[in-house]
Amino acid sequence: MEKKINFTDKALNQINLITKGDDKKYFRITVQGGGCSGFKYNFSFDTKLNKDDIIFGKTIIDESSLDIISGSVVDFKREMIGESFVIDNPKATASCGCGLSFSV
């Protein structure tokens, strides 16, 4: 089964904007254990690729994280309280109010 993730135009535009320059080559998405619901999303920058990374344009996701978020949509939202990347994960069975913590 193909592992796939989708990006909205807003997310792609923001990723391209923030990865300009030599020190921010890639936007990295990882899933880590923790948070109030079991897992949490982590967004960072990276200049190097690891053996298990899958490349989606200017974004990299390791295979383990992609297993958990495959089928998701990555969006970028601007609201009165701030700006942030948001992942709509169809595999998530619960999430917390911050939107960064979830369970599967």
Protein backbone atom coordinates (compact mmCIF):
# COMPACT_ATOMS: atom_id res chain seq x y z
CA MET A 1 0.00 0.00 0.00
CA GLU A 2 1.38 3.38 -1.01
CA LYS A 3 2.09 5.78 1.80
CA LYS A 4 0.75 9.17 0.89
CA ILE A 5 0.30 12.57 2.48
CA ASN A 6 -1.41 15.61 1.00
CA PHE A 7 -0.58 19.28 1.40
CA THR A 8 -2.95 22.21 0.92
CA ASP A 9 -1.79 25.13 -1.22
CA LYS A 10 -1.49 27.23 1.96
CA ALA A 11 0.81 24.65 3.55
CA LEU A 12 2.97 24.32 0.42
CA ASN A 13 3.31 28.10 0.11
CA GLN A 14 4.35 28.43 3.77
CA ILE A 15 6.81 25.53 3.55
CA ASN A 16 8.43 27.06 0.46
CA LEU A 17 8.63 30.43 2.21
CA ILE A 18 10.23 29.14 5.41
CA THR A 19 12.70 26.79 3.75
CA LYS A 20 14.37 29.50 1.67
CA GLY A 21 18.05 29.88 2.53
CA ASP A 22 20.93 27.48 3.04
CA ASP A 23 20.29 26.66 6.71
CA LYS A 24 16.65 25.59 6.21
CA LYS A 25 16.76 23.17 3.32
CA TYR A 26 13.92 20.88 4.46
CA PHE A 27 10.80 21.13 6.60
CA ARG A 28 10.67 17.97 8.74
CA ILE A 29 7.49 16.41 10.13
CA THR A 30 7.87 13.72 12.79
CA VAL A 31 5.53 11.87 15.09
CA GLN A 32 6.84 11.33 18.61
CA GLY A 33 5.51 9.52 21.64
CA GLY A 34 4.16 11.88 24.27
CA GLY A 35 1.65 14.65 24.55
CA CYS A 36 -1.60 14.32 26.42
CA SER A 37 -3.09 11.82 23.92
CA GLY A 38 -0.16 9.45 23.29
CA PHE A 39 1.51 10.89 20.18
CA LYS A 40 2.45 14.40 19.12
CA TYR A 41 3.41 16.09 15.88
CA ASN A 42 6.77 17.82 15.71
CA PHE A 43 7.70 20.36 13.03
CA SER A 44 11.35 21.36 12.53
CA PHE A 45 14.01 22.17 9.94
CA ASP A 46 16.77 19.90 8.72
CA THR A 47 19.63 20.21 6.27
CA LYS A 48 20.33 16.50 5.95
CA LEU A 49 18.42 13.39 4.95
CA ASN A 50 18.36 10.17 6.95
CA LYS A 51 18.20 6.70 5.37
CA ASP A 52 14.53 6.23 6.25
CA ASP A 53 13.33 9.69 5.10
CA ILE A 54 10.71 10.07 2.40
CA ILE A 55 10.82 13.35 0.47
CA PHE A 56 7.68 15.30 -0.44
CA GLY A 57 9.01 18.37 -2.26
CA LYS A 58 10.65 20.49 0.48
CA THR A 59 9.22 18.31 3.27
CA ILE A 60 10.79 15.17 4.74
CA ILE A 61 9.07 12.55 6.88
CA ASP A 62 10.71 9.43 8.31
CA GLU A 63 9.08 6.07 7.50
CA SER A 64 7.86 5.40 11.05
CA SER A 65 6.11 8.78 11.24
CA LEU A 66 4.67 8.36 7.76
CA ASP A 67 3.16 5.01 8.79
CA ILE A 68 1.15 6.87 11.42
CA ILE A 69 0.15 9.93 9.36
CA SER A 70 -0.22 8.37 5.90
CA GLY A 71 -3.47 9.60 4.33
CA SER A 72 -3.37 12.87 6.27
CA VAL A 73 -3.73 16.42 4.98
CA VAL A 74 -1.22 19.06 6.10
CA ASP A 75 -2.62 22.60 6.22
CA PHE A 76 -1.39 25.98 7.42
CA LYS A 77 -3.86 28.13 9.33
CA ARG A 78 -3.77 31.79 10.29
CA GLU A 79 -6.08 32.64 13.17
CA MET A 80 -6.37 35.43 15.69
CA ILE A 81 -4.39 33.40 18.22
CA GLY A 82 -1.51 32.74 15.79
CA GLU A 83 -0.31 30.74 12.83
CA SER A 84 0.41 27.03 12.75
CA PHE A 85 0.62 23.89 10.68
CA VAL A 86 -2.30 21.53 11.24
CA ILE A 87 -2.52 17.85 10.34
CA ASP A 88 -5.91 16.27 9.65
CA ASN A 89 -5.12 12.62 10.35
CA PRO A 90 -7.93 10.17 9.48
CA LYS A 91 -6.23 7.50 11.64
CA ALA A 92 -6.44 9.62 14.81
CA THR A 93 -9.09 8.27 17.18
CA ALA A 94 -8.73 11.14 19.66
CA SER A 95 -6.89 14.42 19.96
CA CYS A 96 -6.41 17.15 22.51
CA GLY A 97 -7.38 20.80 22.30
CA CYS A 98 -3.97 21.98 21.11
CA GLY A 99 -4.26 19.90 17.92
CA LEU A 100 -0.68 18.62 18.21
CA SER A 101 -1.39 15.58 20.37
CA PHE A 102 -3.40 12.55 19.23
CA SER A 103 -3.95 8.81 19.60
CA VAL A 104 -4.45 6.08 17.00
